[in-house]
Amino acid sequence: MVIRYARGDRGSILTGVAIYNFALPAKFPMTGFSGLALILYRLFDLPIGVMTIVLNIPVAILCYRVLGRRFFLCSVRCMILSSLFVDYIAPMLPQYTGERLVAAICAGVLGGLGYALIYMRNSSTGGADFITMALKAKHPHLPLGRFIMLTDGIVVVLGGIIFRDFDGIVYGMMIDLIFRRHCRQDHVRRERRKARAHRHRPRRSRHGADRRALRPRHNDHRRAAASGRITAMWCCAPAPARRCSSSPAR
């Protein structure tokens, strides 16, 4: 449990660093509710973390019953941690003000690692994730991958149009692709780990016993035969022992 919470905390810190220390000084239009909070910050100088929480409140109220209590609480915790880090701890760290391409790559890698750690804990950062999970629970047949790409693209294009930064739209899309690449690789690793653990798990019979344990113990059988006591040694149902006659057979 402690390791799971630590993963979520590290993921929240990495996403906060990606947003405030790399994406913000390079003026990238980001995806999701964090991207909307960045737009409000650049327009009205409103705190990014606080606006992220405020934007998530109505979505959280609407999606609470559909998402489930555990997933909802874990997601709210990660969202609050990342928002507090963006507003209060990330400003203490230096911001990168170099090339925009390098800033986009660093933001994508750090943010992708952060989201992967959060998703490993079966959690999320709220916002678009809440909407996606609620739609998946209500309508499992919908192509949610296209819906996510559409919503992320709308937020990125909106930010580029508002600030007339069309190069920023390209960088924002690139960051989103790096995010998805990291999350997809993490999902594949987890599935492979589960398959490997399932493959090495002992095979069991109908009665719940290990099949390898049902094999006769040949060494015990030889020792019993040498001592004049022949016994069928089976783990689950030992056969009754028979005493061999001491006199030779006639």
C-alpha atoms as a PDB file:
ATOM      1  CA  MET A   1       0.000   0.000   0.000  1.00  0.00           C
ATOM      2  CA  VAL A   2       2.832   2.411   0.871  1.00  0.00           C
ATOM      3  CA  ILE A   3       4.578   1.665  -2.440  1.00  0.00           C
ATOM      4  CA  ARG A   4       1.370   2.303  -4.367  1.00  0.00           C
ATOM      5  CA  TYR A   5       0.871   5.684  -2.699  1.00  0.00           C
ATOM      6  CA  ALA A   6       4.547   6.557  -3.247  1.00  0.00           C
ATOM      7  CA  ARG A   7       4.166   5.852  -6.963  1.00  0.00           C
ATOM      8  CA  GLY A   8       1.178   8.171  -7.164  1.00  0.00           C
ATOM      9  CA  ASP A   9       3.042  10.900  -5.268  1.00  0.00           C
ATOM     10  CA  ARG A  10       6.069  10.675  -7.551  1.00  0.00           C
ATOM     11  CA  GLY A  11       3.797  10.771 -10.574  1.00  0.00           C
ATOM     12  CA  SER A  12       2.071  13.916  -9.292  1.00  0.00           C
ATOM     13  CA  ILE A  13       5.453  15.590  -8.726  1.00  0.00           C
ATOM     14  CA  LEU A  14       6.705  14.726 -12.212  1.00  0.00           C
ATOM     15  CA  THR A  15       3.547  16.029 -13.882  1.00  0.00           C
ATOM     16  CA  GLY A  16       3.815  19.240 -11.867  1.00  0.00           C
ATOM     17  CA  VAL A  17       7.432  19.745 -12.968  1.00  0.00           C
ATOM     18  CA  ALA A  18       6.504  19.065 -16.603  1.00  0.00           C
ATOM     19  CA  ILE A  19       3.707  21.636 -16.521  1.00  0.00           C
ATOM     20  CA  TYR A  20       5.263  24.494 -14.537  1.00  0.00           C
ATOM     21  CA  ASN A  21       9.008  24.199 -15.168  1.00  0.00           C
ATOM     22  CA  PHE A  22       8.966  23.234 -18.858  1.00  0.00           C
ATOM     23  CA  ALA A  23       5.592  23.810 -20.545  1.00  0.00           C
ATOM     24  CA  LEU A  24       4.736  27.135 -18.881  1.00  0.00           C
ATOM     25  CA  PRO A  25       7.947  29.087 -19.684  1.00  0.00           C
ATOM     26  CA  ALA A  26       7.892  27.753 -23.272  1.00  0.00           C
ATOM     27  CA  LYS A  27       4.198  28.787 -23.541  1.00  0.00           C
ATOM     28  CA  PHE A  28       2.953  25.475 -24.868  1.00  0.00           C
ATOM     29  CA  PRO A  29      -0.772  24.810 -25.179  1.00  0.00           C
ATOM     30  CA  MET A  30      -1.211  21.637 -23.123  1.00  0.00           C
ATOM     31  CA  THR A  31      -3.973  19.031 -23.207  1.00  0.00           C
ATOM     32  CA  GLY A  32      -6.743  18.298 -20.713  1.00  0.00           C
ATOM     33  CA  PHE A  33      -7.858  20.445 -17.801  1.00  0.00           C
ATOM     34  CA  SER A  34      -4.242  21.393 -17.130  1.00  0.00           C
ATOM     35  CA  GLY A  35      -4.187  22.985 -20.578  1.00  0.00           C
ATOM     36  CA  LEU A  36      -7.342  24.953 -19.788  1.00  0.00           C
ATOM     37  CA  ALA A  37      -5.780  26.069 -16.493  1.00  0.00           C
ATOM     38  CA  LEU A  38      -2.668  27.218 -18.374  1.00  0.00           C
ATOM     39  CA  ILE A  39      -4.849  29.285 -20.721  1.00  0.00           C
ATOM     40  CA  LEU A  40      -6.585  30.957 -17.748  1.00  0.00           C
ATOM     41  CA  TYR A  41      -3.201  31.600 -16.125  1.00  0.00           C
ATOM     42  CA  ARG A  42      -1.840  33.346 -19.206  1.00  0.00           C
ATOM     43  CA  LEU A  43      -5.029  35.366 -19.720  1.00  0.00           C
ATOM     44  CA  PHE A  44      -5.986  36.356 -16.168  1.00  0.00           C
ATOM     45  CA  ASP A  45      -2.947  35.339 -14.067  1.00  0.00           C
ATOM     46  CA  LEU A  46      -4.995  32.796 -12.089  1.00  0.00           C
ATOM     47  CA  PRO A  47      -3.152  30.019 -10.204  1.00  0.00           C
ATOM     48  CA  ILE A  48      -2.784  26.887 -12.317  1.00  0.00           C
ATOM     49  CA  GLY A  49      -3.312  24.362  -9.530  1.00  0.00           C
ATOM     50  CA  VAL A  50      -6.317  26.130  -8.029  1.00  0.00           C
ATOM     51  CA  MET A  51      -7.998  26.475 -11.415  1.00  0.00           C
ATOM     52  CA  THR A  52      -7.360  22.801 -12.146  1.00  0.00           C
ATOM     53  CA  ILE A  53      -9.189  21.863  -8.946  1.00  0.00           C
ATOM     54  CA  VAL A  54     -12.030  24.313  -9.659  1.00  0.00           C
ATOM     55  CA  LEU A  55     -12.523  22.943 -13.184  1.00  0.00           C
ATOM     56  CA  ASN A  56     -12.577  19.392 -11.830  1.00  0.00           C
ATOM     57  CA  ILE A  57     -15.271  20.021  -9.196  1.00  0.00           C
ATOM     58  CA  PRO A  58     -18.377  19.825 -11.460  1.00  0.00           C
ATOM     59  CA  VAL A  59     -16.969  16.855 -13.399  1.00  0.00           C
ATOM     60  CA  ALA A  60     -16.166  15.023 -10.159  1.00  0.00           C
ATOM     61  CA  ILE A  61     -19.680  15.598  -8.816  1.00  0.00           C
ATOM     62  CA  LEU A  62     -21.267  14.256 -12.001  1.00  0.00           C
ATOM     63  CA  CYS A  63     -18.987  11.221 -12.359  1.00  0.00           C
ATOM     64  CA  TYR A  64     -18.637  10.153  -8.705  1.00  0.00           C
ATOM     65  CA  ARG A  65     -21.251   7.386  -8.735  1.00  0.00           C
ATOM     66  CA  VAL A  66     -20.070   5.929 -12.011  1.00  0.00           C
ATOM     67  CA  LEU A  67     -16.354   5.829 -11.203  1.00  0.00           C
ATOM     68  CA  GLY A  68     -16.488   4.080  -7.856  1.00  0.00           C
ATOM     69  CA  ARG A  69     -15.348   5.271  -4.471  1.00  0.00           C
ATOM     70  CA  ARG A  70     -11.779   3.905  -4.460  1.00  0.00           C
ATOM     71  CA  PHE A  71     -10.810   5.096  -7.929  1.00  0.00           C
ATOM     72  CA  PHE A  72     -12.438   8.466  -7.304  1.00  0.00           C
ATOM     73  CA  LEU A  73     -10.631   9.095  -3.994  1.00  0.00           C
ATOM     74  CA  CYS A  74      -7.251   8.034  -5.384  1.00  0.00           C
ATOM     75  CA  SER A  75      -7.734  10.310  -8.381  1.00  0.00           C
ATOM     76  CA  VAL A  76      -8.750  13.267  -6.217  1.00  0.00           C
ATOM     77  CA  ARG A  77      -5.681  12.732  -4.062  1.00  0.00           C
ATOM     78  CA  CYS A  78      -3.322  12.720  -7.063  1.00  0.00           C
ATOM     79  CA  MET A  79      -5.064  15.764  -8.531  1.00  0.00           C
ATOM     80  CA  ILE A  80      -4.732  17.768  -5.301  1.00  0.00           C
ATOM     81  CA  LEU A  81      -1.074  16.774  -4.859  1.00  0.00           C
ATOM     82  CA  SER A  82      -0.138  17.781  -8.401  1.00  0.00           C
ATOM     83  CA  SER A  83      -2.076  21.062  -8.082  1.00  0.00           C
ATOM     84  CA  LEU A  84      -0.394  21.957  -4.792  1.00  0.00           C
ATOM     85  CA  PHE A  85       2.997  21.090  -6.220  1.00  0.00           C
ATOM     86  CA  VAL A  86       2.414  23.296  -9.277  1.00  0.00           C
ATOM     87  CA  ASP A  87       1.349  26.305  -7.177  1.00  0.00           C
ATOM     88  CA  TYR A  88       3.671  26.084  -4.157  1.00  0.00           C
ATOM     89  CA  ILE A  89       6.707  23.834  -4.741  1.00  0.00           C
ATOM     90  CA  ALA A  90       7.453  24.006  -8.469  1.00  0.00           C
ATOM     91  CA  PRO A  91       7.983  27.834  -8.342  1.00  0.00           C
ATOM     92  CA  MET A  92      10.957  27.162  -6.037  1.00  0.00           C
ATOM     93  CA  LEU A  93      12.651  25.138  -8.792  1.00  0.00           C
ATOM     94  CA  PRO A  94      14.392  26.709 -11.810  1.00  0.00           C
ATOM     95  CA  GLN A  95      12.461  26.980 -15.052  1.00  0.00           C
ATOM     96  CA  TYR A  96      13.892  25.917 -18.375  1.00  0.00           C
ATOM     97  CA  THR A  97      13.996  28.835 -20.829  1.00  0.00           C
ATOM     98  CA  GLY A  98      16.029  27.335 -23.656  1.00  0.00           C
ATOM     99  CA  GLU A  99      14.950  25.837 -26.964  1.00  0.00           C
ATOM    100  CA  ARG A 100      11.237  25.082 -27.286  1.00  0.00           C
ATOM    101  CA  LEU A 101      11.911  21.698 -28.867  1.00  0.00           C
ATOM    102  CA  VAL A 102      14.040  20.591 -25.914  1.00  0.00           C
ATOM    103  CA  ALA A 103      11.403  21.924 -23.513  1.00  0.00           C
ATOM    104  CA  ALA A 104       8.695  19.995 -25.373  1.00  0.00           C
ATOM    105  CA  ILE A 105      10.683  16.748 -25.215  1.00  0.00           C
ATOM    106  CA  CYS A 106      11.448  17.186 -21.497  1.00  0.00           C
ATOM    107  CA  ALA A 107       7.830  18.069 -20.709  1.00  0.00           C
ATOM    108  CA  GLY A 108       6.590  15.066 -22.665  1.00  0.00           C
ATOM    109  CA  VAL A 109       9.010  12.603 -21.069  1.00  0.00           C
ATOM    110  CA  LEU A 110       8.522  13.816 -17.493  1.00  0.00           C
ATOM    111  CA  GLY A 111       4.761  14.136 -17.872  1.00  0.00           C
ATOM    112  CA  GLY A 112       4.511  10.730 -19.529  1.00  0.00           C
ATOM    113  CA  LEU A 113       6.477   9.096 -16.714  1.00  0.00           C
ATOM    114  CA  GLY A 114       4.308  10.879 -14.156  1.00  0.00           C
ATOM    115  CA  TYR A 115       1.058   9.765 -15.747  1.00  0.00           C
ATOM    116  CA  ALA A 116       2.381   6.214 -16.113  1.00  0.00           C
ATOM    117  CA  LEU A 117       3.184   6.064 -12.384  1.00  0.00           C
ATOM    118  CA  ILE A 118      -0.270   7.403 -11.557  1.00  0.00           C
ATOM    119  CA  TYR A 119      -2.001   4.912 -13.843  1.00  0.00           C
ATOM    120  CA  MET A 120       0.051   2.063 -12.352  1.00  0.00           C
ATOM    121  CA  ARG A 121      -1.698   2.839  -9.085  1.00  0.00           C
ATOM    122  CA  ASN A 122      -5.087   2.462 -10.786  1.00  0.00           C
ATOM    123  CA  SER A 123      -5.669   6.176 -10.430  1.00  0.00           C
ATOM    124  CA  SER A 124      -5.800   9.303 -12.595  1.00  0.00           C
ATOM    125  CA  THR A 125      -5.464  13.078 -12.419  1.00  0.00           C
ATOM    126  CA  GLY A 126      -9.165  13.787 -12.895  1.00  0.00           C
ATOM    127  CA  GLY A 127     -10.557  16.035 -15.588  1.00  0.00           C
ATOM    128  CA  ALA A 128     -10.746  14.320 -18.974  1.00  0.00           C
ATOM    129  CA  ASP A 129      -9.902  10.993 -17.316  1.00  0.00           C
ATOM    130  CA  PHE A 130     -13.106  11.223 -15.251  1.00  0.00           C
ATOM    131  CA  ILE A 131     -15.164  11.876 -18.367  1.00  0.00           C
ATOM    132  CA  THR A 132     -13.485   9.059 -20.286  1.00  0.00           C
ATOM    133  CA  MET A 133     -13.933   6.489 -17.511  1.00  0.00           C
ATOM    134  CA  ALA A 134     -17.560   7.486 -16.996  1.00  0.00           C
ATOM    135  CA  LEU A 135     -18.289   7.129 -20.722  1.00  0.00           C
ATOM    136  CA  LYS A 136     -16.511   3.783 -20.770  1.00  0.00           C
ATOM    137  CA  ALA A 137     -18.668   2.534 -17.878  1.00  0.00           C
ATOM    138  CA  LYS A 138     -21.904   3.749 -19.478  1.00  0.00           C
ATOM    139  CA  HIS A 139     -21.129   3.003 -23.125  1.00  0.00           C
ATOM    140  CA  PRO A 140     -18.347   0.391 -23.403  1.00  0.00           C
ATOM    141  CA  HIS A 141     -18.842   0.097 -27.175  1.00  0.00           C
ATOM    142  CA  LEU A 142     -17.794   3.690 -27.902  1.00  0.00           C
ATOM    143  CA  PRO A 143     -14.324   4.278 -29.457  1.00  0.00           C
ATOM    144  CA  LEU A 144     -12.863   6.179 -26.522  1.00  0.00           C
ATOM    145  CA  GLY A 145      -9.415   6.486 -28.060  1.00  0.00           C
ATOM    146  CA  ARG A 146     -10.783   8.760 -30.760  1.00  0.00           C
ATOM    147  CA  PHE A 147     -12.774  10.733 -28.190  1.00  0.00           C
ATOM    148  CA  ILE A 148      -9.654  11.368 -26.098  1.00  0.00           C
ATOM    149  CA  MET A 149      -7.635  12.451 -29.122  1.00  0.00           C
ATOM    150  CA  LEU A 150     -10.472  14.753 -30.187  1.00  0.00           C
ATOM    151  CA  THR A 151     -10.792  16.479 -26.799  1.00  0.00           C
ATOM    152  CA  ASP A 152      -7.021  16.861 -26.409  1.00  0.00           C
ATOM    153  CA  GLY A 153      -6.739  18.260 -29.904  1.00  0.00           C
ATOM    154  CA  ILE A 154      -9.515  20.770 -29.265  1.00  0.00           C
ATOM    155  CA  VAL A 155      -7.785  22.104 -26.122  1.00  0.00           C
ATOM    156  CA  VAL A 156      -4.404  22.381 -27.853  1.00  0.00           C
ATOM    157  CA  VAL A 157      -5.834  24.091 -30.939  1.00  0.00           C
ATOM    158  CA  LEU A 158      -7.875  26.443 -28.742  1.00  0.00           C
ATOM    159  CA  GLY A 159      -4.759  27.531 -26.870  1.00  0.00           C
ATOM    160  CA  GLY A 160      -2.842  28.053 -30.109  1.00  0.00           C
ATOM    161  CA  ILE A 161      -5.634  30.131 -31.629  1.00  0.00           C
ATOM    162  CA  ILE A 162      -6.111  32.315 -28.546  1.00  0.00           C
ATOM    163  CA  PHE A 163      -2.408  33.209 -28.346  1.00  0.00           C
ATOM    164  CA  ARG A 164      -1.796  32.987 -32.114  1.00  0.00           C
ATOM    165  CA  ASP A 165       0.961  30.444 -31.597  1.00  0.00           C
ATOM    166  CA  PHE A 166       0.646  27.895 -34.379  1.00  0.00           C
ATOM    167  CA  ASP A 167       4.082  26.449 -33.705  1.00  0.00           C
ATOM    168  CA  GLY A 168       2.873  25.845 -30.172  1.00  0.00           C
ATOM    169  CA  ILE A 169       0.055  23.672 -31.515  1.00  0.00           C
ATOM    170  CA  VAL A 170       2.646  21.379 -33.107  1.00  0.00           C
ATOM    171  CA  TYR A 171       4.662  21.235 -29.875  1.00  0.00           C
ATOM    172  CA  GLY A 172       1.517  20.594 -27.842  1.00  0.00           C
ATOM    173  CA  MET A 173       0.536  17.691 -30.093  1.00  0.00           C
ATOM    174  CA  MET A 174       4.055  16.314 -29.830  1.00  0.00           C
ATOM    175  CA  ILE A 175       3.897  16.439 -26.033  1.00  0.00           C
ATOM    176  CA  ASP A 176       0.566  14.638 -26.101  1.00  0.00           C
ATOM    177  CA  LEU A 177       2.010  11.902 -28.345  1.00  0.00           C
ATOM    178  CA  ILE A 178       4.946  11.421 -25.961  1.00  0.00           C
ATOM    179  CA  PHE A 179       2.482  11.189 -23.068  1.00  0.00           C
ATOM    180  CA  ARG A 180       0.553   8.451 -24.825  1.00  0.00           C
ATOM    181  CA  ARG A 181       3.704   6.621 -25.835  1.00  0.00           C
ATOM    182  CA  HIS A 182       4.889   6.347 -22.244  1.00  0.00           C
ATOM    183  CA  CYS A 183       1.479   5.299 -20.945  1.00  0.00           C
ATOM    184  CA  ARG A 184       1.084   2.687 -23.683  1.00  0.00           C
ATOM    185  CA  GLN A 185       4.527   1.215 -22.976  1.00  0.00           C
ATOM    186  CA  ASP A 186       3.723   1.047 -19.278  1.00  0.00           C
ATOM    187  CA  HIS A 187       0.442  -0.723 -20.027  1.00  0.00           C
ATOM    188  CA  VAL A 188       2.238  -3.279 -22.225  1.00  0.00           C
ATOM    189  CA  ARG A 189       4.835  -3.924 -19.500  1.00  0.00           C
ATOM    190  CA  ARG A 190       2.157  -4.517 -16.906  1.00  0.00           C
ATOM    191  CA  GLU A 191       0.283  -6.928 -19.172  1.00  0.00           C
ATOM    192  CA  ARG A 192       3.470  -8.854 -19.928  1.00  0.00           C
ATOM    193  CA  ARG A 193       4.300  -9.030 -16.221  1.00  0.00           C
ATOM    194  CA  LYS A 194       0.848 -10.405 -15.460  1.00  0.00           C
ATOM    195  CA  ALA A 195       1.116 -12.963 -18.262  1.00  0.00           C
ATOM    196  CA  ARG A 196       4.570 -14.057 -17.045  1.00  0.00           C
ATOM    197  CA  ALA A 197       3.326 -14.450 -13.481  1.00  0.00           C
ATOM    198  CA  HIS A 198       0.320 -16.435 -14.700  1.00  0.00           C
ATOM    199  CA  ARG A 199       2.536 -18.666 -16.844  1.00  0.00           C
ATOM    200  CA  HIS A 200       4.854 -19.534 -13.936  1.00  0.00           C
ATOM    201  CA  ARG A 201       2.000 -20.120 -11.519  1.00  0.00           C
ATOM    202  CA  PRO A 202       1.689 -23.822 -10.467  1.00  0.00           C
ATOM    203  CA  ARG A 203      -1.032 -25.673 -12.343  1.00  0.00           C
ATOM    204  CA  ARG A 204      -3.783 -27.001 -10.125  1.00  0.00           C
ATOM    205  CA  SER A 205      -6.224 -29.847 -10.439  1.00  0.00           C
ATOM    206  CA  ARG A 206      -9.974 -29.724  -9.951  1.00  0.00           C
ATOM    207  CA  HIS A 207      -9.567 -30.333  -6.221  1.00  0.00           C
ATOM    208  CA  GLY A 208      -7.196 -27.396  -5.797  1.00  0.00           C
ATOM    209  CA  ALA A 209      -4.007 -29.434  -5.303  1.00  0.00           C
ATOM    210  CA  ASP A 210      -0.849 -28.905  -7.290  1.00  0.00           C
ATOM    211  CA  ARG A 211      -0.632 -31.478 -10.067  1.00  0.00           C
ATOM    212  CA  ARG A 212       3.053 -31.962  -9.504  1.00  0.00           C
ATOM    213  CA  ALA A 213       2.323 -32.915  -5.915  1.00  0.00           C
ATOM    214  CA  LEU A 214       0.037 -35.709  -7.102  1.00  0.00           C
ATOM    215  CA  ARG A 215       2.901 -37.627  -8.670  1.00  0.00           C
ATOM    216  CA  PRO A 216       4.133 -40.720  -6.765  1.00  0.00           C
ATOM    217  CA  ARG A 217       7.267 -40.308  -4.692  1.00  0.00           C
ATOM    218  CA  HIS A 218       9.504 -42.908  -6.300  1.00  0.00           C
ATOM    219  CA  ASN A 219      12.309 -42.644  -3.750  1.00  0.00           C
ATOM    220  CA  ASP A 220       9.925 -43.330  -0.877  1.00  0.00           C
ATOM    221  CA  HIS A 221       8.505 -46.234  -2.862  1.00  0.00           C
ATOM    222  CA  ARG A 222      11.973 -47.756  -3.342  1.00  0.00           C
ATOM    223  CA  ARG A 223      12.850 -47.351   0.329  1.00  0.00           C
ATOM    224  CA  ALA A 224       9.582 -48.962   1.319  1.00  0.00           C
ATOM    225  CA  ALA A 225      10.170 -51.847  -1.073  1.00  0.00           C
ATOM    226  CA  ALA A 226      13.706 -52.362   0.260  1.00  0.00           C
ATOM    227  CA  SER A 227      12.439 -52.524   3.834  1.00  0.00           C
ATOM    228  CA  GLY A 228       9.786 -55.054   2.914  1.00  0.00           C
ATOM    229  CA  ARG A 229       6.920 -52.563   3.121  1.00  0.00           C
ATOM    230  CA  ILE A 230       5.408 -51.585  -0.224  1.00  0.00           C
ATOM    231  CA  THR A 231       3.375 -48.401  -0.087  1.00  0.00           C
ATOM    232  CA  ALA A 232       1.765 -46.358  -2.815  1.00  0.00           C
ATOM    233  CA  MET A 233       2.886 -42.884  -1.799  1.00  0.00           C
ATOM    234  CA  TRP A 234       0.499 -40.278  -3.140  1.00  0.00           C
ATOM    235  CA  CYS A 235       0.282 -36.829  -1.650  1.00  0.00           C
ATOM    236  CA  CYS A 236      -3.469 -36.467  -1.547  1.00  0.00           C
ATOM    237  CA  ALA A 237      -4.718 -40.027  -0.960  1.00  0.00           C
ATOM    238  CA  PRO A 238      -2.142 -42.542   0.346  1.00  0.00           C
ATOM    239  CA  ALA A 239      -3.050 -46.159  -0.293  1.00  0.00           C
ATOM    240  CA  PRO A 240      -3.175 -48.585   2.655  1.00  0.00           C
ATOM    241  CA  ALA A 241       0.144 -50.276   3.312  1.00  0.00           C
ATOM    242  CA  ARG A 242       0.574 -54.009   2.852  1.00  0.00           C
ATOM    243  CA  ARG A 243       3.058 -56.178   4.705  1.00  0.00           C
ATOM    244  CA  CYS A 244       4.921 -58.561   2.447  1.00  0.00           C
ATOM    245  CA  SER A 245       5.272 -62.106   3.662  1.00  0.00           C
ATOM    246  CA  SER A 246       8.647 -62.907   5.148  1.00  0.00           C
ATOM    247  CA  SER A 247       8.594 -66.459   3.816  1.00  0.00           C
ATOM    248  CA  PRO A 248       9.508 -67.020   0.171  1.00  0.00           C
ATOM    249  CA  ALA A 249       6.649 -67.585  -2.263  1.00  0.00           C
ATOM    250  CA  ARG A 250       5.923 -71.251  -3.061  1.00  0.00           C
END
